[in-house]
PDB file of N, CA and C in Angstrom:
ATOM      1  N   MET A   1      -9.042   3.096  15.250  1.00  0.00           N
ATOM      2  CA  MET A   1     -10.022   2.584  14.313  1.00  0.00           C
ATOM      3  C   MET A   1      -9.309   1.701  13.280  1.00  0.00           C
ATOM      4  N   ILE A   2      -9.856   0.573  13.000  1.00  0.00           N
ATOM      5  CA  ILE A   2      -9.294  -0.345  12.016  1.00  0.00           C
ATOM      6  C   ILE A   2      -9.792   0.070  10.641  1.00  0.00           C
ATOM      7  N   GLN A   3      -8.847   0.215   9.715  1.00  0.00           N
ATOM      8  CA  GLN A   3      -9.171   0.627   8.354  1.00  0.00           C
ATOM      9  C   GLN A   3      -9.649  -0.566   7.533  1.00  0.00           C
ATOM     10  N   SER A   4     -10.284  -0.274   6.422  1.00  0.00           N
ATOM     11  CA  SER A   4     -10.759  -1.329   5.536  1.00  0.00           C
ATOM     12  C   SER A   4      -9.572  -2.036   4.885  1.00  0.00           C
ATOM     13  N   PRO A   5      -9.756  -3.282   4.459  1.00  0.00           N
ATOM     14  CA  PRO A   5      -8.691  -3.991   3.765  1.00  0.00           C
ATOM     15  C   PRO A   5      -8.192  -3.233   2.531  1.00  0.00           C
ATOM     16  N   GLN A   6      -9.099  -2.600   1.814  1.00  0.00           N
ATOM     17  CA  GLN A   6      -8.721  -1.849   0.620  1.00  0.00           C
ATOM     18  C   GLN A   6      -7.819  -0.662   0.974  1.00  0.00           C
ATOM     19  N   ARG A   7      -8.096   0.006   2.078  1.00  0.00           N
ATOM     20  CA  ARG A   7      -7.279   1.160   2.505  1.00  0.00           C
ATOM     21  C   ARG A   7      -5.878   0.697   2.887  1.00  0.00           C
ATOM     22  N   ALA A   8      -5.787  -0.404   3.601  1.00  0.00           N
ATOM     23  CA  ALA A   8      -4.480  -0.910   4.003  1.00  0.00           C
ATOM     24  C   ALA A   8      -3.633  -1.254   2.778  1.00  0.00           C
ATOM     25  N   VAL A   9      -4.231  -1.940   1.828  1.00  0.00           N
ATOM     26  CA  VAL A   9      -3.493  -2.346   0.627  1.00  0.00           C
ATOM     27  C   VAL A   9      -3.192  -1.137  -0.254  1.00  0.00           C
ATOM     28  N   GLU A  10      -4.002  -0.130  -0.214  1.00  0.00           N
ATOM     29  CA  GLU A  10      -3.751   1.110  -0.959  1.00  0.00           C
ATOM     30  C   GLU A  10      -2.407   1.719  -0.527  1.00  0.00           C
ATOM     31  N   VAL A  11      -2.143   1.702   0.760  1.00  0.00           N
ATOM     32  CA  VAL A  11      -0.876   2.240   1.282  1.00  0.00           C
ATOM     33  C   VAL A  11       0.290   1.378   0.803  1.00  0.00           C
ATOM     34  N   PHE A  12       0.154   0.060   0.896  1.00  0.00           N
ATOM     35  CA  PHE A  12       1.222  -0.836   0.426  1.00  0.00           C
ATOM     36  C   PHE A  12       1.451  -0.665  -1.074  1.00  0.00           C
ATOM     37  N   LYS A  13       0.388  -0.498  -1.835  1.00  0.00           N
ATOM     38  CA  LYS A  13       0.520  -0.332  -3.289  1.00  0.00           C
ATOM     39  C   LYS A  13       1.288   0.950  -3.603  1.00  0.00           C
ATOM     40  N   ALA A  14       0.992   2.033  -2.901  1.00  0.00           N
ATOM     41  CA  ALA A  14       1.702   3.288  -3.119  1.00  0.00           C
ATOM     42  C   ALA A  14       3.187   3.127  -2.792  1.00  0.00           C
ATOM     43  N   GLU A  15       3.496   2.431  -1.708  1.00  0.00           N
ATOM     44  CA  GLU A  15       4.889   2.179  -1.338  1.00  0.00           C
ATOM     45  C   GLU A  15       5.588   1.331  -2.397  1.00  0.00           C
ATOM     46  N   PHE A  16       4.905   0.289  -2.865  1.00  0.00           N
ATOM     47  CA  PHE A  16       5.477  -0.565  -3.907  1.00  0.00           C
ATOM     48  C   PHE A  16       5.733   0.227  -5.178  1.00  0.00           C
ATOM     49  N   ASP A  17       4.742   1.012  -5.616  1.00  0.00           N
ATOM     50  CA  ASP A  17       4.892   1.778  -6.856  1.00  0.00           C
ATOM     51  C   ASP A  17       6.088   2.725  -6.785  1.00  0.00           C
ATOM     52  N   ALA A  18       6.278   3.383  -5.648  1.00  0.00           N
ATOM     53  CA  ALA A  18       7.418   4.289  -5.490  1.00  0.00           C
ATOM     54  C   ALA A  18       8.731   3.502  -5.528  1.00  0.00           C
ATOM     55  N   ALA A  19       8.778   2.374  -4.830  1.00  0.00           N
ATOM     56  CA  ALA A  19       9.987   1.549  -4.839  1.00  0.00           C
ATOM     57  C   ALA A  19      10.266   1.031  -6.250  1.00  0.00           C
ATOM     58  N   TRP A  20       9.243   0.600  -6.947  1.00  0.00           N
ATOM     59  CA  TRP A  20       9.400   0.083  -8.314  1.00  0.00           C
ATOM     60  C   TRP A  20       9.956   1.173  -9.231  1.00  0.00           C
ATOM     61  N   GLU A  21       9.392   2.384  -9.133  1.00  0.00           N
ATOM     62  CA  GLU A  21       9.808   3.492  -9.996  1.00  0.00           C
ATOM     63  C   GLU A  21      11.286   3.838  -9.818  1.00  0.00           C
ATOM     64  N   TYR A  22      11.766   3.753  -8.583  1.00  0.00           N
ATOM     65  CA  TYR A  22      13.149   4.150  -8.310  1.00  0.00           C
ATOM     66  C   TYR A  22      14.097   2.954  -8.166  1.00  0.00           C
ATOM     67  N   GLY A  23      13.612   1.767  -8.480  1.00  0.00           N
ATOM     68  CA  GLY A  23      14.461   0.583  -8.410  1.00  0.00           C
ATOM     69  C   GLY A  23      14.882   0.242  -6.996  1.00  0.00           C
ATOM     70  N   ALA A  24      14.035   0.533  -6.054  1.00  0.00           N
ATOM     71  CA  ALA A  24      14.365   0.322  -4.641  1.00  0.00           C
ATOM     72  C   ALA A  24      13.831  -1.014  -4.126  1.00  0.00           C
ATOM     73  N   LEU A  25      14.260  -1.354  -2.957  1.00  0.00           N
ATOM     74  CA  LEU A  25      13.820  -2.575  -2.288  1.00  0.00           C
ATOM     75  C   LEU A  25      12.495  -2.316  -1.590  1.00  0.00           C
ATOM     76  N   PHE A  26      11.553  -3.218  -1.754  1.00  0.00           N
ATOM     77  CA  PHE A  26      10.250  -3.106  -1.095  1.00  0.00           C
ATOM     78  C   PHE A  26      10.083  -4.294  -0.172  1.00  0.00           C
ATOM     79  N   VAL A  27       9.990  -4.020   1.111  1.00  0.00           N
ATOM     80  CA  VAL A  27       9.831  -5.077   2.109  1.00  0.00           C
ATOM     81  C   VAL A  27       8.591  -4.751   2.943  1.00  0.00           C
ATOM     82  N   PRO A  28       7.441  -5.267   2.538  1.00  0.00           N
ATOM     83  CA  PRO A  28       6.245  -4.994   3.336  1.00  0.00           C
ATOM     84  C   PRO A  28       6.246  -5.819   4.617  1.00  0.00           C
ATOM     85  N   VAL A  29       5.652  -5.267   5.646  1.00  0.00           N
ATOM     86  CA  VAL A  29       5.526  -5.986   6.914  1.00  0.00           C
ATOM     87  C   VAL A  29       4.036  -6.218   7.142  1.00  0.00           C
ATOM     88  N   TRP A  30       3.665  -7.467   7.056  1.00  0.00           N
ATOM     89  CA  TRP A  30       2.271  -7.838   7.256  1.00  0.00           C
ATOM     90  C   TRP A  30       2.149  -8.646   8.536  1.00  0.00           C
ATOM     91  N   HIS A  31       1.765  -7.983   9.607  1.00  0.00           N
ATOM     92  CA  HIS A  31       1.614  -8.666  10.888  1.00  0.00           C
ATOM     93  C   HIS A  31       0.409  -9.603  10.833  1.00  0.00           C
ATOM     94  N   PRO A  32       0.571 -10.832  11.282  1.00  0.00           N
ATOM     95  CA  PRO A  32      -0.519 -11.801  11.200  1.00  0.00           C
ATOM     96  C   PRO A  32      -1.802 -11.351  11.903  1.00  0.00           C
ATOM     97  N   PHE A  33      -1.678 -10.614  13.006  1.00  0.00           N
ATOM     98  CA  PHE A  33      -2.887 -10.208  13.706  1.00  0.00           C
ATOM     99  C   PHE A  33      -3.685  -9.171  12.910  1.00  0.00           C
ATOM    100  N   LEU A  34      -3.053  -8.562  11.915  1.00  0.00           N
ATOM    101  CA  LEU A  34      -3.764  -7.625  11.044  1.00  0.00           C
ATOM    102  C   LEU A  34      -4.070  -8.237   9.684  1.00  0.00           C
ATOM    103  N   SER A  35      -3.054  -8.856   9.082  1.00  0.00           N
ATOM    104  CA  SER A  35      -3.237  -9.373   7.727  1.00  0.00           C
ATOM    105  C   SER A  35      -3.761 -10.793   7.720  1.00  0.00           C
ATOM    106  N   GLY A  36      -3.887 -11.409   8.885  1.00  0.00           N
ATOM    107  CA  GLY A  36      -4.344 -12.793   8.952  1.00  0.00           C
ATOM    108  C   GLY A  36      -5.845 -12.950   8.774  1.00  0.00           C
ATOM    109  N   ARG A  37      -6.530 -11.894   8.528  1.00  0.00           N
ATOM    110  CA  ARG A  37      -7.975 -11.937   8.296  1.00  0.00           C
ATOM    111  C   ARG A  37      -8.224 -12.232   6.815  1.00  0.00           C
ATOM    112  N   LEU A  38      -9.206 -13.044   6.535  1.00  0.00           N
ATOM    113  CA  LEU A  38      -9.461 -13.456   5.160  1.00  0.00           C
ATOM    114  C   LEU A  38      -9.690 -12.275   4.214  1.00  0.00           C
ATOM    115  N   SER A  39     -10.465 -11.299   4.645  1.00  0.00           N
ATOM    116  CA  SER A  39     -10.744 -10.156   3.755  1.00  0.00           C
ATOM    117  C   SER A  39      -9.468  -9.376   3.446  1.00  0.00           C
ATOM    118  N   ARG A  40      -8.594  -9.261   4.413  1.00  0.00           N
ATOM    119  CA  ARG A  40      -7.346  -8.525   4.189  1.00  0.00           C
ATOM    120  C   ARG A  40      -6.401  -9.329   3.313  1.00  0.00           C
ATOM    121  N   TRP A  41      -6.317 -10.630   3.574  1.00  0.00           N
ATOM    122  CA  TRP A  41      -5.412 -11.432   2.760  1.00  0.00           C
ATOM    123  C   TRP A  41      -5.895 -11.508   1.320  1.00  0.00           C
ATOM    124  N   HIS A  42      -7.190 -11.468   1.120  1.00  0.00           N
ATOM    125  CA  HIS A  42      -7.742 -11.437  -0.237  1.00  0.00           C
ATOM    126  C   HIS A  42      -7.218 -10.201  -0.979  1.00  0.00           C
ATOM    127  N   GLU A  43      -7.201  -9.051  -0.303  1.00  0.00           N
ATOM    128  CA  GLU A  43      -6.682  -7.826  -0.915  1.00  0.00           C
ATOM    129  C   GLU A  43      -5.180  -7.928  -1.141  1.00  0.00           C
ATOM    130  N   VAL A  44      -4.448  -8.534  -0.216  1.00  0.00           N
ATOM    131  CA  VAL A  44      -3.002  -8.709  -0.381  1.00  0.00           C
ATOM    132  C   VAL A  44      -2.719  -9.587  -1.596  1.00  0.00           C
ATOM    133  N   SER A  45      -3.504 -10.635  -1.783  1.00  0.00           N
ATOM    134  CA  SER A  45      -3.277 -11.508  -2.940  1.00  0.00           C
ATOM    135  C   SER A  45      -3.479 -10.730  -4.247  1.00  0.00           C
ATOM    136  N   LYS A  46      -4.445  -9.802  -4.255  1.00  0.00           N
ATOM    137  CA  LYS A  46      -4.639  -8.961  -5.436  1.00  0.00           C
ATOM    138  C   LYS A  46      -3.450  -8.023  -5.637  1.00  0.00           C
ATOM    139  N   LEU A  47      -2.865  -7.536  -4.540  1.00  0.00           N
ATOM    140  CA  LEU A  47      -1.682  -6.682  -4.627  1.00  0.00           C
ATOM    141  C   LEU A  47      -0.508  -7.463  -5.204  1.00  0.00           C
ATOM    142  N   ILE A  48      -0.324  -8.694  -4.775  1.00  0.00           N
ATOM    143  CA  ILE A  48       0.766  -9.520  -5.300  1.00  0.00           C
ATOM    144  C   ILE A  48       0.575  -9.765  -6.798  1.00  0.00           C
ATOM    145  N   GLU A  49      -0.659 -10.024  -7.209  1.00  0.00           N
ATOM    146  CA  GLU A  49      -0.939 -10.193  -8.639  1.00  0.00           C
ATOM    147  C   GLU A  49      -0.596  -8.916  -9.402  1.00  0.00           C
ATOM    148  N   TYR A  50      -0.924  -7.757  -8.819  1.00  0.00           N
ATOM    149  CA  TYR A  50      -0.600  -6.468  -9.432  1.00  0.00           C
ATOM    150  C   TYR A  50       0.912  -6.328  -9.591  1.00  0.00           C
ATOM    151  N   MET A  51       1.647  -6.665  -8.546  1.00  0.00           N
ATOM    152  CA  MET A  51       3.117  -6.570  -8.592  1.00  0.00           C
ATOM    153  C   MET A  51       3.687  -7.465  -9.685  1.00  0.00           C
ATOM    154  N   MET A  52       3.193  -8.686  -9.761  1.00  0.00           N
ATOM    155  CA  MET A  52       3.686  -9.629 -10.766  1.00  0.00           C
ATOM    156  C   MET A  52       3.365  -9.134 -12.170  1.00  0.00           C
ATOM    157  N   ALA A  53       2.188  -8.566 -12.351  1.00  0.00           N
ATOM    158  CA  ALA A  53       1.792  -8.060 -13.672  1.00  0.00           C
ATOM    159  C   ALA A  53       2.606  -6.836 -14.085  1.00  0.00           C
ATOM    160  N   LYS A  54       3.056  -6.066 -13.110  1.00  0.00           N
ATOM    161  CA  LYS A  54       3.835  -4.872 -13.409  1.00  0.00           C
ATOM    162  C   LYS A  54       5.183  -5.238 -14.022  1.00  0.00           C
ATOM    163  N   GLY A  55       5.720  -6.394 -13.630  1.00  0.00           N
ATOM    164  CA  GLY A  55       6.958  -6.887 -14.210  1.00  0.00           C
ATOM    165  C   GLY A  55       8.195  -6.281 -13.585  1.00  0.00           C
ATOM    166  N   ASP A  56       9.347  -6.873 -13.939  1.00  0.00           N
ATOM    167  CA  ASP A  56      10.636  -6.433 -13.429  1.00  0.00           C
ATOM    168  C   ASP A  56      10.652  -6.422 -11.902  1.00  0.00           C
ATOM    169  N   VAL A  57      10.066  -7.482 -11.316  1.00  0.00           N
ATOM    170  CA  VAL A  57       9.992  -7.629  -9.865  1.00  0.00           C
ATOM    171  C   VAL A  57      10.548  -8.991  -9.500  1.00  0.00           C
ATOM    172  N   TRP A  58      11.319  -9.023  -8.442  1.00  0.00           N
ATOM    173  CA  TRP A  58      11.914 -10.276  -7.978  1.00  0.00           C
ATOM    174  C   TRP A  58      11.337 -10.617  -6.613  1.00  0.00           C
ATOM    175  N   PHE A  59      10.599 -11.703  -6.538  1.00  0.00           N
ATOM    176  CA  PHE A  59      10.102 -12.233  -5.279  1.00  0.00           C
ATOM    177  C   PHE A  59      11.120 -13.283  -4.829  1.00  0.00           C
ATOM    178  N   ALA A  60      11.745 -13.065  -3.700  1.00  0.00           N
ATOM    179  CA  ALA A  60      12.845 -13.937  -3.301  1.00  0.00           C
ATOM    180  C   ALA A  60      12.765 -14.308  -1.827  1.00  0.00           C
ATOM    181  N   ARG A  61      13.254 -15.515  -1.552  1.00  0.00           N
ATOM    182  CA  ARG A  61      13.419 -15.960  -0.164  1.00  0.00           C
ATOM    183  C   ARG A  61      14.690 -15.323   0.397  1.00  0.00           C
ATOM    184  N   MET A  62      14.831 -15.350   1.705  1.00  0.00           N
ATOM    185  CA  MET A  62      16.008 -14.759   2.337  1.00  0.00           C
ATOM    186  C   MET A  62      17.302 -15.421   1.885  1.00  0.00           C
ATOM    187  N   ASP A  63      17.305 -16.745   1.710  1.00  0.00           N
ATOM    188  CA  ASP A  63      18.530 -17.419   1.279  1.00  0.00           C
ATOM    189  C   ASP A  63      18.912 -17.003  -0.146  1.00  0.00           C
ATOM    190  N   GLU A  64      17.924 -16.737  -0.985  1.00  0.00           N
ATOM    191  CA  GLU A  64      18.200 -16.266  -2.341  1.00  0.00           C
ATOM    192  C   GLU A  64      18.791 -14.857  -2.323  1.00  0.00           C
ATOM    193  N   ILE A  65      18.277 -14.015  -1.430  1.00  0.00           N
ATOM    194  CA  ILE A  65      18.808 -12.656  -1.309  1.00  0.00           C
ATOM    195  C   ILE A  65      20.240 -12.703  -0.794  1.00  0.00           C
ATOM    196  N   ALA A  66      20.493 -13.550   0.208  1.00  0.00           N
ATOM    197  CA  ALA A  66      21.854 -13.674   0.746  1.00  0.00           C
ATOM    198  C   ALA A  66      22.824 -14.152  -0.328  1.00  0.00           C
ATOM    199  N   ALA A  67      22.418 -15.130  -1.126  1.00  0.00           N
ATOM    200  CA  ALA A  67      23.278 -15.638  -2.198  1.00  0.00           C
ATOM    201  C   ALA A  67      23.531 -14.548  -3.239  1.00  0.00           C
ATOM    202  N   HIS A  68      22.524 -13.761  -3.558  1.00  0.00           N
ATOM    203  CA  HIS A  68      22.676 -12.671  -4.524  1.00  0.00           C
ATOM    204  C   HIS A  68      23.681 -11.629  -4.005  1.00  0.00           C
ATOM    205  N   VAL A  69      23.572 -11.270  -2.735  1.00  0.00           N
ATOM    206  CA  VAL A  69      24.489 -10.297  -2.160  1.00  0.00           C
ATOM    207  C   VAL A  69      25.913 -10.850  -2.169  1.00  0.00           C
ATOM    208  N   GLN A  70      26.069 -12.128  -1.792  1.00  0.00           N
ATOM    209  CA  GLN A  70      27.404 -12.738  -1.809  1.00  0.00           C
ATOM    210  C   GLN A  70      28.011 -12.725  -3.208  1.00  0.00           C
ATOM    211  N   ARG A  71      27.210 -13.057  -4.214  1.00  0.00           N
ATOM    212  CA  ARG A  71      27.702 -13.018  -5.600  1.00  0.00           C
ATOM    213  C   ARG A  71      28.075 -11.598  -6.010  1.00  0.00           C
ATOM    214  N   SER A  72      27.247 -10.640  -5.626  1.00  0.00           N
ATOM    215  CA  SER A  72      27.500  -9.242  -5.994  1.00  0.00           C
ATOM    216  C   SER A  72      28.779  -8.719  -5.350  1.00  0.00           C
ATOM    217  N   VAL A  73      29.025  -9.099  -4.098  1.00  0.00           N
ATOM    218  CA  VAL A  73      30.263  -8.702  -3.421  1.00  0.00           C
ATOM    219  C   VAL A  73      31.451  -9.384  -4.082  1.00  0.00           C
ATOM    220  N   ALA A  74      31.310 -10.678  -4.393  1.00  0.00           N
ATOM    221  CA  ALA A  74      32.413 -11.444  -5.001  1.00  0.00           C
ATOM    222  C   ALA A  74      32.805 -10.895  -6.369  1.00  0.00           C
ATOM    223  N   THR A  75      31.825 -10.427  -7.152  1.00  0.00           N
ATOM    224  CA  THR A  75      32.124  -9.895  -8.485  1.00  0.00           C
ATOM    225  C   THR A  75      32.521  -8.423  -8.448  1.00  0.00           C
ATOM    226  N   GLY A  76      32.372  -7.798  -7.283  1.00  0.00           N
ATOM    227  CA  GLY A  76      32.717  -6.381  -7.157  1.00  0.00           C
ATOM    228  C   GLY A  76      31.638  -5.434  -7.613  1.00  0.00           C
ATOM    229  N   SER A  77      30.459  -5.952  -7.938  1.00  0.00           N
ATOM    230  CA  SER A  77      29.384  -5.062  -8.387  1.00  0.00           C
ATOM    231  C   SER A  77      28.662  -4.400  -7.214  1.00  0.00           C
ATOM    232  N   TYR A  78      28.966  -4.829  -6.002  1.00  0.00           N
ATOM    233  CA  TYR A  78      28.360  -4.242  -4.804  1.00  0.00           C
ATOM    234  C   TYR A  78      29.378  -4.253  -3.673  1.00  0.00           C
ATOM    235  N   THR A  79      29.482  -3.117  -3.007  1.00  0.00           N
ATOM    236  CA  THR A  79      30.332  -3.021  -1.830  1.00  0.00           C
ATOM    237  C   THR A  79      29.450  -2.596  -0.668  1.00  0.00           C
ATOM    238  N   PRO A  80      29.278  -3.478   0.306  1.00  0.00           N
ATOM    239  CA  PRO A  80      28.391  -3.122   1.414  1.00  0.00           C
ATOM    240  C   PRO A  80      28.990  -2.020   2.282  1.00  0.00           C
ATOM    241  N   ARG A  81      28.124  -1.212   2.818  1.00  0.00           N
ATOM    242  CA  ARG A  81      28.546  -0.173   3.763  1.00  0.00           C
ATOM    243  C   ARG A  81      28.885  -0.855   5.094  1.00  0.00           C
ATOM    244  N   VAL A  82      29.944  -0.408   5.709  1.00  0.00           N
ATOM    245  CA  VAL A  82      30.346  -0.958   6.999  1.00  0.00           C
ATOM    246  C   VAL A  82      30.258   0.151   8.032  1.00  0.00           C
ATOM    247  N   ASP A  83      29.443  -0.067   9.035  1.00  0.00           N
ATOM    248  CA  ASP A  83      29.335   0.887  10.136  1.00  0.00           C
ATOM    249  C   ASP A  83      30.222   0.423  11.269  1.00  0.00           C
ATOM    250  N   ARG A  84      31.056   1.297  11.752  1.00  0.00           N
ATOM    251  CA  ARG A  84      31.913   1.003  12.891  1.00  0.00           C
ATOM    252  C   ARG A  84      31.193   1.430  14.154  1.00  0.00           C
ATOM    253  N   LEU A  85      30.959   0.479  15.027  1.00  0.00           N
ATOM    254  CA  LEU A  85      30.264   0.783  16.267  1.00  0.00           C
ATOM    255  C   LEU A  85      31.219   0.631  17.443  1.00  0.00           C
ATOM    256  N   PRO A  86      31.062   1.357  18.468  1.00  0.00           N
ATOM    257  CA  PRO A  86      30.066   2.427  18.628  1.00  0.00           C
ATOM    258  C   PRO A  86      30.479   3.677  17.873  1.00  0.00           C
ATOM    259  N   TYR A  87      29.530   4.569  17.691  1.00  0.00           N
ATOM    260  CA  TYR A  87      29.798   5.803  16.962  1.00  0.00           C
ATOM    261  C   TYR A  87      30.572   6.810  17.820  1.00  0.00           C
ATOM    262  N   TYR A  88      30.672   6.575  19.082  1.00  0.00           N
ATOM    263  CA  TYR A  88      31.354   7.489  20.000  1.00  0.00           C
ATOM    264  C   TYR A  88      32.634   6.828  20.508  1.00  0.00           C
ATOM    265  N   GLN A  89      33.553   7.647  21.006  1.00  0.00           N
ATOM    266  CA  GLN A  89      34.871   7.153  21.386  1.00  0.00           C
ATOM    267  C   GLN A  89      34.957   6.627  22.815  1.00  0.00           C
ATOM    268  N   GLY A  90      34.014   6.896  23.646  1.00  0.00           N
ATOM    269  CA  GLY A  90      34.073   6.434  25.037  1.00  0.00           C
ATOM    270  C   GLY A  90      32.692   6.363  25.629  1.00  0.00           C
ATOM    271  N   PRO A  91      32.617   5.991  26.891  1.00  0.00           N
ATOM    272  CA  PRO A  91      31.304   5.871  27.518  1.00  0.00           C
ATOM    273  C   PRO A  91      30.624   7.222  27.670  1.00  0.00           C
ATOM    274  N   VAL A  92      29.323   7.214  27.552  1.00  0.00           N
ATOM    275  CA  VAL A  92      28.511   8.409  27.782  1.00  0.00           C
ATOM    276  C   VAL A  92      28.002   8.296  29.198  1.00  0.00           C
ATOM    277  N   LYS A  93      28.372   9.245  30.018  1.00  0.00           N
ATOM    278  CA  LYS A  93      27.975   9.223  31.422  1.00  0.00           C
ATOM    279  C   LYS A  93      26.706  10.042  31.572  1.00  0.00           C
ATOM    280  N   ALA A  94      25.596   9.344  31.701  1.00  0.00           N
ATOM    281  CA  ALA A  94      24.295  10.004  31.751  1.00  0.00           C
ATOM    282  C   ALA A  94      24.181  10.921  32.942  1.00  0.00           C
ATOM    283  N   HIS A  95      24.823  10.590  34.076  1.00  0.00           N
ATOM    284  CA  HIS A  95      24.671  11.435  35.257  1.00  0.00           C
ATOM    285  C   HIS A  95      25.353  12.786  35.095  1.00  0.00           C
ATOM    286  N   GLN A  96      26.203  12.934  34.077  1.00  0.00           N
ATOM    287  CA  GLN A  96      26.845  14.212  33.814  1.00  0.00           C
ATOM    288  C   GLN A  96      26.014  15.075  32.869  1.00  0.00           C
ATOM    289  N   LEU A  97      24.963  14.500  32.335  1.00  0.00           N
ATOM    290  CA  LEU A  97      24.126  15.213  31.384  1.00  0.00           C
ATOM    291  C   LEU A  97      22.757  15.482  31.990  1.00  0.00           C
ATOM    292  N   SER A  98      22.196  16.609  31.684  1.00  0.00           N
ATOM    293  CA  SER A  98      20.819  16.875  32.042  1.00  0.00           C
ATOM    294  C   SER A  98      20.245  17.783  30.979  1.00  0.00           C
ATOM    295  N   GLY A  99      18.977  17.696  30.728  1.00  0.00           N
ATOM    296  CA  GLY A  99      18.360  18.476  29.669  1.00  0.00           C
ATOM    297  C   GLY A  99      18.775  17.959  28.313  1.00  0.00           C
ATOM    298  N   GLU A 100      19.089  18.854  27.386  1.00  0.00           N
ATOM    299  CA  GLU A 100      19.494  18.458  26.055  1.00  0.00           C
ATOM    300  C   GLU A 100      21.008  18.540  25.927  1.00  0.00           C
ATOM    301  N   ALA A 101      21.594  17.620  25.191  1.00  0.00           N
ATOM    302  CA  ALA A 101      23.027  17.616  24.937  1.00  0.00           C
ATOM    303  C   ALA A 101      23.269  17.069  23.548  1.00  0.00           C
ATOM    304  N   ALA A 102      24.462  17.302  23.031  1.00  0.00           N
ATOM    305  CA  ALA A 102      24.842  16.745  21.739  1.00  0.00           C
ATOM    306  C   ALA A 102      26.205  16.096  21.890  1.00  0.00           C
ATOM    307  N   ILE A 103      26.316  14.836  21.470  1.00  0.00           N
ATOM    308  CA  ILE A 103      27.567  14.106  21.558  1.00  0.00           C
ATOM    309  C   ILE A 103      27.838  13.509  20.189  1.00  0.00           C
ATOM    310  N   ASP A 104      28.937  13.938  19.572  1.00  0.00           N
ATOM    311  CA  ASP A 104      29.341  13.421  18.267  1.00  0.00           C
ATOM    312  C   ASP A 104      28.185  13.372  17.278  1.00  0.00           C
ATOM    313  N   GLY A 105      27.443  14.452  17.184  1.00  0.00           N
ATOM    314  CA  GLY A 105      26.371  14.535  16.204  1.00  0.00           C
ATOM    315  C   GLY A 105      25.045  13.942  16.669  1.00  0.00           C
ATOM    316  N   TRP A 106      25.028  13.269  17.816  1.00  0.00           N
ATOM    317  CA  TRP A 106      23.791  12.719  18.358  1.00  0.00           C
ATOM    318  C   TRP A 106      23.173  13.743  19.289  1.00  0.00           C
ATOM    319  N   SER A 107      21.905  14.011  19.149  1.00  0.00           N
ATOM    320  CA  SER A 107      21.200  14.860  20.105  1.00  0.00           C
ATOM    321  C   SER A 107      20.580  13.951  21.156  1.00  0.00           C
ATOM    322  N   LEU A 108      20.736  14.333  22.401  1.00  0.00           N
ATOM    323  CA  LEU A 108      20.230  13.503  23.489  1.00  0.00           C
ATOM    324  C   LEU A 108      19.364  14.333  24.420  1.00  0.00           C
ATOM    325  N   PHE A 109      18.347  13.702  24.955  1.00  0.00           N
ATOM    326  CA  PHE A 109      17.583  14.286  26.040  1.00  0.00           C
ATOM    327  C   PHE A 109      17.781  13.361  27.225  1.00  0.00           C
ATOM    328  N   CYS A 110      18.256  13.909  28.328  1.00  0.00           N
ATOM    329  CA  CYS A 110      18.576  13.082  29.494  1.00  0.00           C
ATOM    330  C   CYS A 110      17.751  13.509  30.696  1.00  0.00           C
ATOM    331  N   ARG A 111      17.296  12.506  31.420  1.00  0.00           N
ATOM    332  CA  ARG A 111      16.550  12.732  32.666  1.00  0.00           C
ATOM    333  C   ARG A 111      16.726  11.507  33.533  1.00  0.00           C
ATOM    334  N   ASN A 112      17.006  11.730  34.791  1.00  0.00           N
ATOM    335  CA  ASN A 112      17.153  10.637  35.759  1.00  0.00           C
ATOM    336  C   ASN A 112      18.122   9.579  35.293  1.00  0.00           C
ATOM    337  N   GLU A 113      19.271   9.995  34.802  1.00  0.00           N
ATOM    338  CA  GLU A 113      20.348   9.145  34.357  1.00  0.00           C
ATOM    339  C   GLU A 113      19.987   8.251  33.166  1.00  0.00           C
ATOM    340  N   ALA A 114      18.944   8.588  32.435  1.00  0.00           N
ATOM    341  CA  ALA A 114      18.586   7.882  31.212  1.00  0.00           C
ATOM    342  C   ALA A 114      18.619   8.877  30.065  1.00  0.00           C
ATOM    343  N   CYS A 115      19.260   8.509  28.971  1.00  0.00           N
ATOM    344  CA  CYS A 115      19.362   9.387  27.820  1.00  0.00           C
ATOM    345  C   CYS A 115      18.649   8.781  26.624  1.00  0.00           C
ATOM    346  N   PHE A 116      17.986   9.617  25.868  1.00  0.00           N
ATOM    347  CA  PHE A 116      17.237   9.177  24.715  1.00  0.00           C
ATOM    348  C   PHE A 116      17.685   9.989  23.502  1.00  0.00           C
ATOM    349  N   PRO A 117      18.145   9.314  22.427  1.00  0.00           N
ATOM    350  CA  PRO A 117      18.561  10.069  21.235  1.00  0.00           C
ATOM    351  C   PRO A 117      17.346  10.593  20.487  1.00  0.00           C
ATOM    352  N   PHE A 118      17.520  11.728  19.846  1.00  0.00           N
ATOM    353  CA  PHE A 118      16.463  12.275  19.016  1.00  0.00           C
ATOM    354  C   PHE A 118      17.073  13.135  17.934  1.00  0.00           C
ATOM    355  N   ILE A 119      16.302  13.434  16.925  1.00  0.00           N
ATOM    356  CA  ILE A 119      16.731  14.295  15.826  1.00  0.00           C
ATOM    357  C   ILE A 119      15.946  15.587  15.916  1.00  0.00           C
ATOM    358  N   LYS A 120      16.650  16.677  15.855  1.00  0.00           N
ATOM    359  CA  LYS A 120      15.973  17.987  15.891  1.00  0.00           C
ATOM    360  C   LYS A 120      15.461  18.341  14.519  1.00  0.00           C
TER     361      LYS A 120
END
């Protein structure tokens, strides 16, 4: 069932308010096939006005965000986390696994030589 435009924006507003309160990043995903309707976009425009009125919000393009991160790294005010991949030391042989298994903290369910990670 498709929800009303007001209901959809209500969820985004709650997410924004929580991100704003904790100084977090808010990245809404508005798929065109859902938000491309005039009634929905009308509600989104009201949400953007709400965000702007709340203050202390930065609306930025991707190039502006990249430049900000580069400056923050250069000044030492931000150190990005670096993930070393892969997380495991060698190949995982699916044919040796069946049912549930755990490899280096990853829980896996394997069937027919295909493994799927999951969290218990």
